Amino acid sequence: MAFDSKDNLYSTTNRGGEAQGGIAFRLKPGTENSTSWTETVLHWFPKTKKDGFDPIGGLTWGKWGELYGVASEGGIGCQTGCGTVFVISP
């Protein structure tokens, strides 16, 4: 998991999303009037697996404000078993 300066939480799931290949998401904390967090899907991992599939290990911040993660499957030129590193600009 990764937090930003506004206490938003960023992470991944290894299942779910439109293709069931996982998602990268942001949870925004509630306000004084509501304790509910708000979820925003930043990216869902497609069946083509070019962006990767089944992200593992959450996300980490890069030097210039990007979020980096690792997927256990996919990547360009590979359909199963290869894995890839991905970057998301929140």
PDB file of N, CA and C in Angstrom:
ATOM      1  N   MET A   1       0.834  -1.177   0.000  1.00  0.00           N
ATOM      2  CA  MET A   1       0.000   0.000   0.000  1.00  0.00           C
ATOM      3  C   MET A   1       0.882   1.246   0.000  1.00  0.00           C
ATOM      4  N   ALA A   2       0.356   2.288  -0.584  1.00  0.00           N
ATOM      5  CA  ALA A   2       1.066   3.563  -0.612  1.00  0.00           C
ATOM      6  C   ALA A   2       0.071   4.671  -0.267  1.00  0.00           C
ATOM      7  N   PHE A   3       0.518   5.640   0.517  1.00  0.00           N
ATOM      8  CA  PHE A   3      -0.305   6.793   0.868  1.00  0.00           C
ATOM      9  C   PHE A   3       0.294   8.041   0.230  1.00  0.00           C
ATOM     10  N   ASP A   4      -0.568   9.030  -0.091  1.00  0.00           N
ATOM     11  CA  ASP A   4      -0.075  10.316  -0.557  1.00  0.00           C
ATOM     12  C   ASP A   4      -0.207  11.346   0.567  1.00  0.00           C
ATOM     13  N   SER A   5       0.121  12.591   0.272  1.00  0.00           N
ATOM     14  CA  SER A   5       0.110  13.642   1.291  1.00  0.00           C
ATOM     15  C   SER A   5      -1.298  14.011   1.770  1.00  0.00           C
ATOM     16  N   LYS A   6      -2.335  13.572   1.048  1.00  0.00           N
ATOM     17  CA  LYS A   6      -3.719  13.837   1.438  1.00  0.00           C
ATOM     18  C   LYS A   6      -4.358  12.628   2.121  1.00  0.00           C
ATOM     19  N   ASP A   7      -3.528  11.664   2.518  1.00  0.00           N
ATOM     20  CA  ASP A   7      -3.970  10.429   3.178  1.00  0.00           C
ATOM     21  C   ASP A   7      -4.791   9.513   2.292  1.00  0.00           C
ATOM     22  N   ASN A   8      -4.703   9.678   0.959  1.00  0.00           N
ATOM     23  CA  ASN A   8      -5.321   8.726   0.053  1.00  0.00           C
ATOM     24  C   ASN A   8      -4.480   7.459   0.039  1.00  0.00           C
ATOM     25  N   LEU A   9      -5.128   6.326  -0.011  1.00  0.00           N
ATOM     26  CA  LEU A   9      -4.477   5.031  -0.035  1.00  0.00           C
ATOM     27  C   LEU A   9      -4.504   4.480  -1.453  1.00  0.00           C
ATOM     28  N   TYR A  10      -3.385   3.968  -1.931  1.00  0.00           N
ATOM     29  CA  TYR A  10      -3.272   3.375  -3.269  1.00  0.00           C
ATOM     30  C   TYR A  10      -2.808   1.935  -3.132  1.00  0.00           C
ATOM     31  N   SER A  11      -3.439   1.031  -3.896  1.00  0.00           N
ATOM     32  CA  SER A  11      -3.018  -0.358  -3.866  1.00  0.00           C
ATOM     33  C   SER A  11      -3.610  -1.108  -5.061  1.00  0.00           C
ATOM     34  N   THR A  12      -3.489  -2.429  -5.033  1.00  0.00           N
ATOM     35  CA  THR A  12      -3.983  -3.279  -6.115  1.00  0.00           C
ATOM     36  C   THR A  12      -4.744  -4.468  -5.545  1.00  0.00           C
ATOM     37  N   THR A  13      -5.519  -5.102  -6.423  1.00  0.00           N
ATOM     38  CA  THR A  13      -6.103  -6.408  -6.130  1.00  0.00           C
ATOM     39  C   THR A  13      -5.635  -7.344  -7.239  1.00  0.00           C
ATOM     40  N   ASN A  14      -5.457  -8.612  -6.938  1.00  0.00           N
ATOM     41  CA  ASN A  14      -5.004  -9.525  -7.990  1.00  0.00           C
ATOM     42  C   ASN A  14      -6.159 -10.187  -8.723  1.00  0.00           C
ATOM     43  N   ARG A  15      -7.360  -9.921  -8.342  1.00  0.00           N
ATOM     44  CA  ARG A  15      -8.566 -10.366  -9.051  1.00  0.00           C
ATOM     45  C   ARG A  15      -9.538  -9.199  -9.067  1.00  0.00           C
ATOM     46  N   GLY A  16     -10.562  -9.303  -9.910  1.00  0.00           N
ATOM     47  CA  GLY A  16     -11.573  -8.265  -9.982  1.00  0.00           C
ATOM     48  C   GLY A  16     -11.355  -7.362 -11.179  1.00  0.00           C
ATOM     49  N   GLY A  17     -12.234  -6.407 -11.346  1.00  0.00           N
ATOM     50  CA  GLY A  17     -12.208  -5.536 -12.513  1.00  0.00           C
ATOM     51  C   GLY A  17     -12.949  -6.171 -13.671  1.00  0.00           C
ATOM     52  N   GLU A  18     -13.007  -5.473 -14.783  1.00  0.00           N
ATOM     53  CA  GLU A  18     -13.787  -5.932 -15.935  1.00  0.00           C
ATOM     54  C   GLU A  18     -13.307  -7.264 -16.498  1.00  0.00           C
ATOM     55  N   ALA A  19     -12.008  -7.528 -16.489  1.00  0.00           N
ATOM     56  CA  ALA A  19     -11.482  -8.772 -17.052  1.00  0.00           C
ATOM     57  C   ALA A  19     -11.070  -9.769 -15.969  1.00  0.00           C
ATOM     58  N   GLN A  20     -11.360  -9.462 -14.709  1.00  0.00           N
ATOM     59  CA  GLN A  20     -10.995 -10.303 -13.562  1.00  0.00           C
ATOM     60  C   GLN A  20      -9.490 -10.493 -13.422  1.00  0.00           C
ATOM     61  N   GLY A  21      -8.714  -9.548 -13.982  1.00  0.00           N
ATOM     62  CA  GLY A  21      -7.259  -9.616 -13.895  1.00  0.00           C
ATOM     63  C   GLY A  21      -6.684  -8.702 -12.843  1.00  0.00           C
ATOM     64  N   GLY A  22      -7.543  -8.090 -12.029  1.00  0.00           N
ATOM     65  CA  GLY A  22      -7.089  -7.200 -10.974  1.00  0.00           C
ATOM     66  C   GLY A  22      -7.289  -5.744 -11.332  1.00  0.00           C
ATOM     67  N   ILE A  23      -7.136  -4.890 -10.321  1.00  0.00           N
ATOM     68  CA  ILE A  23      -7.258  -3.445 -10.498  1.00  0.00           C
ATOM     69  C   ILE A  23      -6.197  -2.730  -9.676  1.00  0.00           C
ATOM     70  N   ALA A  24      -5.926  -1.505 -10.054  1.00  0.00           N
ATOM     71  CA  ALA A  24      -5.188  -0.561  -9.221  1.00  0.00           C
ATOM     72  C   ALA A  24      -6.220   0.479  -8.792  1.00  0.00           C
ATOM     73  N   PHE A  25      -6.205   0.850  -7.515  1.00  0.00           N
ATOM     74  CA  PHE A  25      -7.255   1.731  -7.011  1.00  0.00           C
ATOM     75  C   PHE A  25      -6.717   2.755  -6.021  1.00  0.00           C
ATOM     76  N   ARG A  26      -7.558   3.772  -5.787  1.00  0.00           N
ATOM     77  CA  ARG A  26      -7.304   4.787  -4.761  1.00  0.00           C
ATOM     78  C   ARG A  26      -8.493   4.791  -3.807  1.00  0.00           C
ATOM     79  N   LEU A  27      -8.225   4.867  -2.520  1.00  0.00           N
ATOM     80  CA  LEU A  27      -9.268   5.066  -1.514  1.00  0.00           C
ATOM     81  C   LEU A  27      -9.052   6.427  -0.884  1.00  0.00           C
ATOM     82  N   LYS A  28     -10.072   7.265  -1.003  1.00  0.00           N
ATOM     83  CA  LYS A  28     -10.025   8.612  -0.434  1.00  0.00           C
ATOM     84  C   LYS A  28     -10.740   8.575   0.911  1.00  0.00           C
ATOM     85  N   PRO A  29     -10.093   9.085   1.983  1.00  0.00           N
ATOM     86  CA  PRO A  29     -10.730   9.024   3.300  1.00  0.00           C
ATOM     87  C   PRO A  29     -11.979   9.881   3.380  1.00  0.00           C
ATOM     88  N   GLY A  30     -12.835   9.530   4.320  1.00  0.00           N
ATOM     89  CA  GLY A  30     -14.057  10.289   4.546  1.00  0.00           C
ATOM     90  C   GLY A  30     -13.776  11.679   5.104  1.00  0.00           C
ATOM     91  N   THR A  31     -14.820  12.453   5.210  1.00  0.00           N
ATOM     92  CA  THR A  31     -14.732  13.816   5.737  1.00  0.00           C
ATOM     93  C   THR A  31     -15.204  13.831   7.187  1.00  0.00           C
ATOM     94  N   GLU A  32     -15.271  14.997   7.772  1.00  0.00           N
ATOM     95  CA  GLU A  32     -15.778  15.118   9.142  1.00  0.00           C
ATOM     96  C   GLU A  32     -17.216  14.614   9.255  1.00  0.00           C
ATOM     97  N   ASN A  33     -17.996  14.789   8.176  1.00  0.00           N
ATOM     98  CA  ASN A  33     -19.408  14.408   8.201  1.00  0.00           C
ATOM     99  C   ASN A  33     -19.651  12.960   7.800  1.00  0.00           C
ATOM    100  N   SER A  34     -18.656  12.304   7.208  1.00  0.00           N
ATOM    101  CA  SER A  34     -18.825  10.935   6.743  1.00  0.00           C
ATOM    102  C   SER A  34     -17.512  10.174   6.933  1.00  0.00           C
ATOM    103  N   THR A  35     -17.604   9.005   7.530  1.00  0.00           N
ATOM    104  CA  THR A  35     -16.410   8.195   7.729  1.00  0.00           C
ATOM    105  C   THR A  35     -16.179   7.213   6.589  1.00  0.00           C
ATOM    106  N   SER A  36     -17.064   7.216   5.592  1.00  0.00           N
ATOM    107  CA  SER A  36     -16.935   6.309   4.457  1.00  0.00           C
ATOM    108  C   SER A  36     -15.782   6.722   3.548  1.00  0.00           C
ATOM    109  N   TRP A  37     -15.027   5.744   3.105  1.00  0.00           N
ATOM    110  CA  TRP A  37     -13.965   5.978   2.124  1.00  0.00           C
ATOM    111  C   TRP A  37     -14.570   5.875   0.730  1.00  0.00           C
ATOM    112  N   THR A  38     -13.985   6.592  -0.243  1.00  0.00           N
ATOM    113  CA  THR A  38     -14.455   6.578  -1.625  1.00  0.00           C
ATOM    114  C   THR A  38     -13.408   5.892  -2.487  1.00  0.00           C
ATOM    115  N   GLU A  39     -13.846   4.866  -3.228  1.00  0.00           N
ATOM    116  CA  GLU A  39     -12.929   4.117  -4.093  1.00  0.00           C
ATOM    117  C   GLU A  39     -12.956   4.660  -5.512  1.00  0.00           C
ATOM    118  N   THR A  40     -11.790   4.795  -6.117  1.00  0.00           N
ATOM    119  CA  THR A  40     -11.651   5.132  -7.526  1.00  0.00           C
ATOM    120  C   THR A  40     -10.748   4.082  -8.173  1.00  0.00           C
ATOM    121  N   VAL A  41     -11.231   3.437  -9.224  1.00  0.00           N
ATOM    122  CA  VAL A  41     -10.402   2.486  -9.959  1.00  0.00           C
ATOM    123  C   VAL A  41      -9.511   3.289 -10.900  1.00  0.00           C
ATOM    124  N   LEU A  42      -8.209   3.164 -10.731  1.00  0.00           N
ATOM    125  CA  LEU A  42      -7.247   3.879 -11.567  1.00  0.00           C
ATOM    126  C   LEU A  42      -6.934   3.113 -12.841  1.00  0.00           C
ATOM    127  N   HIS A  43      -6.961   1.795 -12.750  1.00  0.00           N
ATOM    128  CA  HIS A  43      -6.664   0.953 -13.919  1.00  0.00           C
ATOM    129  C   HIS A  43      -7.183  -0.449 -13.660  1.00  0.00           C
ATOM    130  N   TRP A  44      -7.786  -1.054 -14.674  1.00  0.00           N
ATOM    131  CA  TRP A  44      -8.110  -2.475 -14.601  1.00  0.00           C
ATOM    132  C   TRP A  44      -7.252  -3.182 -15.624  1.00  0.00           C
ATOM    133  N   PHE A  45      -6.822  -4.367 -15.285  1.00  0.00           N
ATOM    134  CA  PHE A  45      -5.879  -5.100 -16.128  1.00  0.00           C
ATOM    135  C   PHE A  45      -6.646  -5.952 -17.130  1.00  0.00           C
ATOM    136  N   PRO A  46      -6.442  -5.695 -18.447  1.00  0.00           N
ATOM    137  CA  PRO A  46      -7.265  -6.291 -19.500  1.00  0.00           C
ATOM    138  C   PRO A  46      -6.891  -7.736 -19.826  1.00  0.00           C
ATOM    139  N   LYS A  47      -7.825  -8.417 -20.506  1.00  0.00           N
ATOM    140  CA  LYS A  47      -7.612  -9.806 -20.925  1.00  0.00           C
ATOM    141  C   LYS A  47      -6.422  -9.951 -21.870  1.00  0.00           C
ATOM    142  N   THR A  48      -6.069  -8.892 -22.594  1.00  0.00           N
ATOM    143  CA  THR A  48      -4.934  -8.978 -23.513  1.00  0.00           C
ATOM    144  C   THR A  48      -3.620  -9.156 -22.776  1.00  0.00           C
ATOM    145  N   LYS A  49      -3.583  -8.809 -21.515  1.00  0.00           N
ATOM    146  CA  LYS A  49      -2.442  -8.960 -20.624  1.00  0.00           C
ATOM    147  C   LYS A  49      -1.234  -8.107 -21.020  1.00  0.00           C
ATOM    148  N   LYS A  50      -1.384  -7.189 -21.984  1.00  0.00           N
ATOM    149  CA  LYS A  50      -0.244  -6.364 -22.374  1.00  0.00           C
ATOM    150  C   LYS A  50       0.221  -5.444 -21.248  1.00  0.00           C
ATOM    151  N   ASP A  51      -0.701  -5.033 -20.367  1.00  0.00           N
ATOM    152  CA  ASP A  51      -0.355  -4.191 -19.218  1.00  0.00           C
ATOM    153  C   ASP A  51       0.042  -5.029 -18.015  1.00  0.00           C
ATOM    154  N   GLY A  52      -0.034  -6.334 -18.162  1.00  0.00           N
ATOM    155  CA  GLY A  52       0.125  -7.238 -17.047  1.00  0.00           C
ATOM    156  C   GLY A  52      -1.234  -7.773 -16.628  1.00  0.00           C
ATOM    157  N   PHE A  53      -1.229  -8.704 -15.703  1.00  0.00           N
ATOM    158  CA  PHE A  53      -2.443  -9.376 -15.244  1.00  0.00           C
ATOM    159  C   PHE A  53      -2.127  -9.934 -13.862  1.00  0.00           C
ATOM    160  N   ASP A  54      -3.021  -9.877 -12.931  1.00  0.00           N
ATOM    161  CA  ASP A  54      -2.810 -10.338 -11.558  1.00  0.00           C
ATOM    162  C   ASP A  54      -1.689  -9.573 -10.861  1.00  0.00           C
ATOM    163  N   PRO A  55      -1.872  -8.264 -10.606  1.00  0.00           N
ATOM    164  CA  PRO A  55      -0.840  -7.513  -9.888  1.00  0.00           C
ATOM    165  C   PRO A  55      -0.620  -8.095  -8.489  1.00  0.00           C
ATOM    166  N   ILE A  56       0.613  -8.046  -8.052  1.00  0.00           N
ATOM    167  CA  ILE A  56       0.977  -8.576  -6.736  1.00  0.00           C
ATOM    168  C   ILE A  56       1.844  -7.553  -6.007  1.00  0.00           C
ATOM    169  N   GLY A  57       1.764  -7.546  -4.709  1.00  0.00           N
ATOM    170  CA  GLY A  57       2.684  -6.739  -3.919  1.00  0.00           C
ATOM    171  C   GLY A  57       2.351  -5.269  -3.769  1.00  0.00           C
ATOM    172  N   GLY A  58       1.181  -4.814  -4.208  1.00  0.00           N
ATOM    173  CA  GLY A  58       0.809  -3.415  -4.026  1.00  0.00           C
ATOM    174  C   GLY A  58       1.556  -2.455  -4.936  1.00  0.00           C
ATOM    175  N   LEU A  59       1.661  -1.209  -4.506  1.00  0.00           N
ATOM    176  CA  LEU A  59       2.262  -0.138  -5.310  1.00  0.00           C
ATOM    177  C   LEU A  59       3.311   0.605  -4.501  1.00  0.00           C
ATOM    178  N   THR A  60       4.231   1.249  -5.200  1.00  0.00           N
ATOM    179  CA  THR A  60       5.222   2.090  -4.536  1.00  0.00           C
ATOM    180  C   THR A  60       5.413   3.366  -5.351  1.00  0.00           C
ATOM    181  N   TRP A  61       5.727   4.456  -4.669  1.00  0.00           N
ATOM    182  CA  TRP A  61       5.893   5.749  -5.330  1.00  0.00           C
ATOM    183  C   TRP A  61       7.225   5.826  -6.066  1.00  0.00           C
ATOM    184  N   GLY A  62       7.189   6.402  -7.272  1.00  0.00           N
ATOM    185  CA  GLY A  62       8.391   6.707  -8.023  1.00  0.00           C
ATOM    186  C   GLY A  62       8.868   8.118  -7.726  1.00  0.00           C
ATOM    187  N   LYS A  63      10.019   8.447  -8.229  1.00  0.00           N
ATOM    188  CA  LYS A  63      10.667   9.739  -7.968  1.00  0.00           C
ATOM    189  C   LYS A  63       9.832  10.937  -8.421  1.00  0.00           C
ATOM    190  N   TRP A  64       9.084  10.792  -9.527  1.00  0.00           N
ATOM    191  CA  TRP A  64       8.343  11.917 -10.091  1.00  0.00           C
ATOM    192  C   TRP A  64       6.833  11.795  -9.899  1.00  0.00           C
ATOM    193  N   GLY A  65       6.401  11.043  -8.895  1.00  0.00           N
ATOM    194  CA  GLY A  65       4.989  10.975  -8.557  1.00  0.00           C
ATOM    195  C   GLY A  65       4.189   9.881  -9.233  1.00  0.00           C
ATOM    196  N   GLU A  66       4.857   8.959  -9.925  1.00  0.00           N
ATOM    197  CA  GLU A  66       4.149   7.831 -10.516  1.00  0.00           C
ATOM    198  C   GLU A  66       4.081   6.699  -9.498  1.00  0.00           C
ATOM    199  N   LEU A  67       3.138   5.798  -9.705  1.00  0.00           N
ATOM    200  CA  LEU A  67       3.038   4.597  -8.892  1.00  0.00           C
ATOM    201  C   LEU A  67       3.512   3.400  -9.710  1.00  0.00           C
ATOM    202  N   TYR A  68       4.363   2.584  -9.130  1.00  0.00           N
ATOM    203  CA  TYR A  68       4.895   1.397  -9.803  1.00  0.00           C
ATOM    204  C   TYR A  68       4.405   0.137  -9.113  1.00  0.00           C
ATOM    205  N   GLY A  69       4.195  -0.903  -9.907  1.00  0.00           N
ATOM    206  CA  GLY A  69       3.793  -2.195  -9.371  1.00  0.00           C
ATOM    207  C   GLY A  69       4.299  -3.318 -10.255  1.00  0.00           C
ATOM    208  N   VAL A  70       4.040  -4.541  -9.816  1.00  0.00           N
ATOM    209  CA  VAL A  70       4.464  -5.742 -10.526  1.00  0.00           C
ATOM    210  C   VAL A  70       3.249  -6.629 -10.728  1.00  0.00           C
ATOM    211  N   ALA A  71       3.133  -7.211 -11.925  1.00  0.00           N
ATOM    212  CA  ALA A  71       2.078  -8.172 -12.224  1.00  0.00           C
ATOM    213  C   ALA A  71       2.721  -9.536 -12.475  1.00  0.00           C
ATOM    214  N   SER A  72       2.070 -10.586 -11.998  1.00  0.00           N
ATOM    215  CA  SER A  72       2.643 -11.928 -12.115  1.00  0.00           C
ATOM    216  C   SER A  72       2.463 -12.532 -13.498  1.00  0.00           C
ATOM    217  N   GLU A  73       1.579 -11.991 -14.289  1.00  0.00           N
ATOM    218  CA  GLU A  73       1.299 -12.513 -15.634  1.00  0.00           C
ATOM    219  C   GLU A  73       1.387 -11.395 -16.661  1.00  0.00           C
ATOM    220  N   GLY A  74       1.553 -11.792 -17.923  1.00  0.00           N
ATOM    221  CA  GLY A  74       1.437 -10.875 -19.044  1.00  0.00           C
ATOM    222  C   GLY A  74       2.649 -10.015 -19.305  1.00  0.00           C
ATOM    223  N   GLY A  75       2.402  -8.912 -19.990  1.00  0.00           N
ATOM    224  CA  GLY A  75       3.442  -8.053 -20.509  1.00  0.00           C
ATOM    225  C   GLY A  75       3.419  -8.126 -22.022  1.00  0.00           C
ATOM    226  N   ILE A  76       4.048  -7.202 -22.698  1.00  0.00           N
ATOM    227  CA  ILE A  76       4.053  -7.174 -24.164  1.00  0.00           C
ATOM    228  C   ILE A  76       4.799  -8.393 -24.697  1.00  0.00           C
ATOM    229  N   GLY A  77       4.163  -9.114 -25.613  1.00  0.00           N
ATOM    230  CA  GLY A  77       4.770 -10.284 -26.241  1.00  0.00           C
ATOM    231  C   GLY A  77       4.656 -11.562 -25.435  1.00  0.00           C
ATOM    232  N   CYS A  78       3.916 -11.551 -24.346  1.00  0.00           N
ATOM    233  CA  CYS A  78       3.785 -12.736 -23.508  1.00  0.00           C
ATOM    234  C   CYS A  78       2.343 -12.871 -23.059  1.00  0.00           C
ATOM    235  N   GLN A  79       1.792 -14.046 -23.160  1.00  0.00           N
ATOM    236  CA  GLN A  79       0.413 -14.256 -22.736  1.00  0.00           C
ATOM    237  C   GLN A  79       0.294 -14.972 -21.393  1.00  0.00           C
ATOM    238  N   THR A  80       1.253 -15.782 -21.000  1.00  0.00           N
ATOM    239  CA  THR A  80       1.167 -16.451 -19.697  1.00  0.00           C
ATOM    240  C   THR A  80       2.544 -16.591 -19.074  1.00  0.00           C
ATOM    241  N   GLY A  81       2.592 -16.390 -17.772  1.00  0.00           N
ATOM    242  CA  GLY A  81       3.766 -16.723 -17.003  1.00  0.00           C
ATOM    243  C   GLY A  81       4.933 -15.751 -16.990  1.00  0.00           C
ATOM    244  N   CYS A  82       4.921 -14.707 -17.802  1.00  0.00           N
ATOM    245  CA  CYS A  82       6.089 -13.831 -17.869  1.00  0.00           C
ATOM    246  C   CYS A  82       6.111 -12.799 -16.753  1.00  0.00           C
ATOM    247  N   GLY A  83       5.043 -12.060 -16.596  1.00  0.00           N
ATOM    248  CA  GLY A  83       5.010 -10.980 -15.619  1.00  0.00           C
ATOM    249  C   GLY A  83       5.601  -9.697 -16.177  1.00  0.00           C
ATOM    250  N   THR A  84       5.318  -8.594 -15.502  1.00  0.00           N
ATOM    251  CA  THR A  84       5.804  -7.296 -15.969  1.00  0.00           C
ATOM    252  C   THR A  84       5.760  -6.265 -14.846  1.00  0.00           C
ATOM    253  N   VAL A  85       6.513  -5.197 -15.029  1.00  0.00           N
ATOM    254  CA  VAL A  85       6.433  -4.032 -14.166  1.00  0.00           C
ATOM    255  C   VAL A  85       5.528  -3.025 -14.869  1.00  0.00           C
ATOM    256  N   PHE A  86       4.668  -2.334 -14.118  1.00  0.00           N
ATOM    257  CA  PHE A  86       3.782  -1.335 -14.717  1.00  0.00           C
ATOM    258  C   PHE A  86       3.877  -0.034 -13.954  1.00  0.00           C
ATOM    259  N   VAL A  87       3.463   1.035 -14.610  1.00  0.00           N
ATOM    260  CA  VAL A  87       3.465   2.368 -14.003  1.00  0.00           C
ATOM    261  C   VAL A  87       2.085   2.985 -14.191  1.00  0.00           C
ATOM    262  N   ILE A  88       1.611   3.691 -13.162  1.00  0.00           N
ATOM    263  CA  ILE A  88       0.314   4.373 -13.184  1.00  0.00           C
ATOM    264  C   ILE A  88       0.536   5.814 -12.756  1.00  0.00           C
ATOM    265  N   SER A  89      -0.063   6.735 -13.476  1.00  0.00           N
ATOM    266  CA  SER A  89      -0.020   8.154 -13.100  1.00  0.00           C
ATOM    267  C   SER A  89      -1.341   8.497 -12.432  1.00  0.00           C
ATOM    268  N   PRO A  90      -1.321   8.675 -11.107  1.00  0.00           N
ATOM    269  CA  PRO A  90      -2.593   8.927 -10.418  1.00  0.00           C
ATOM    270  C   PRO A  90      -3.083  10.268 -10.748  1.00  0.00           C
TER     271      PRO A  90
END
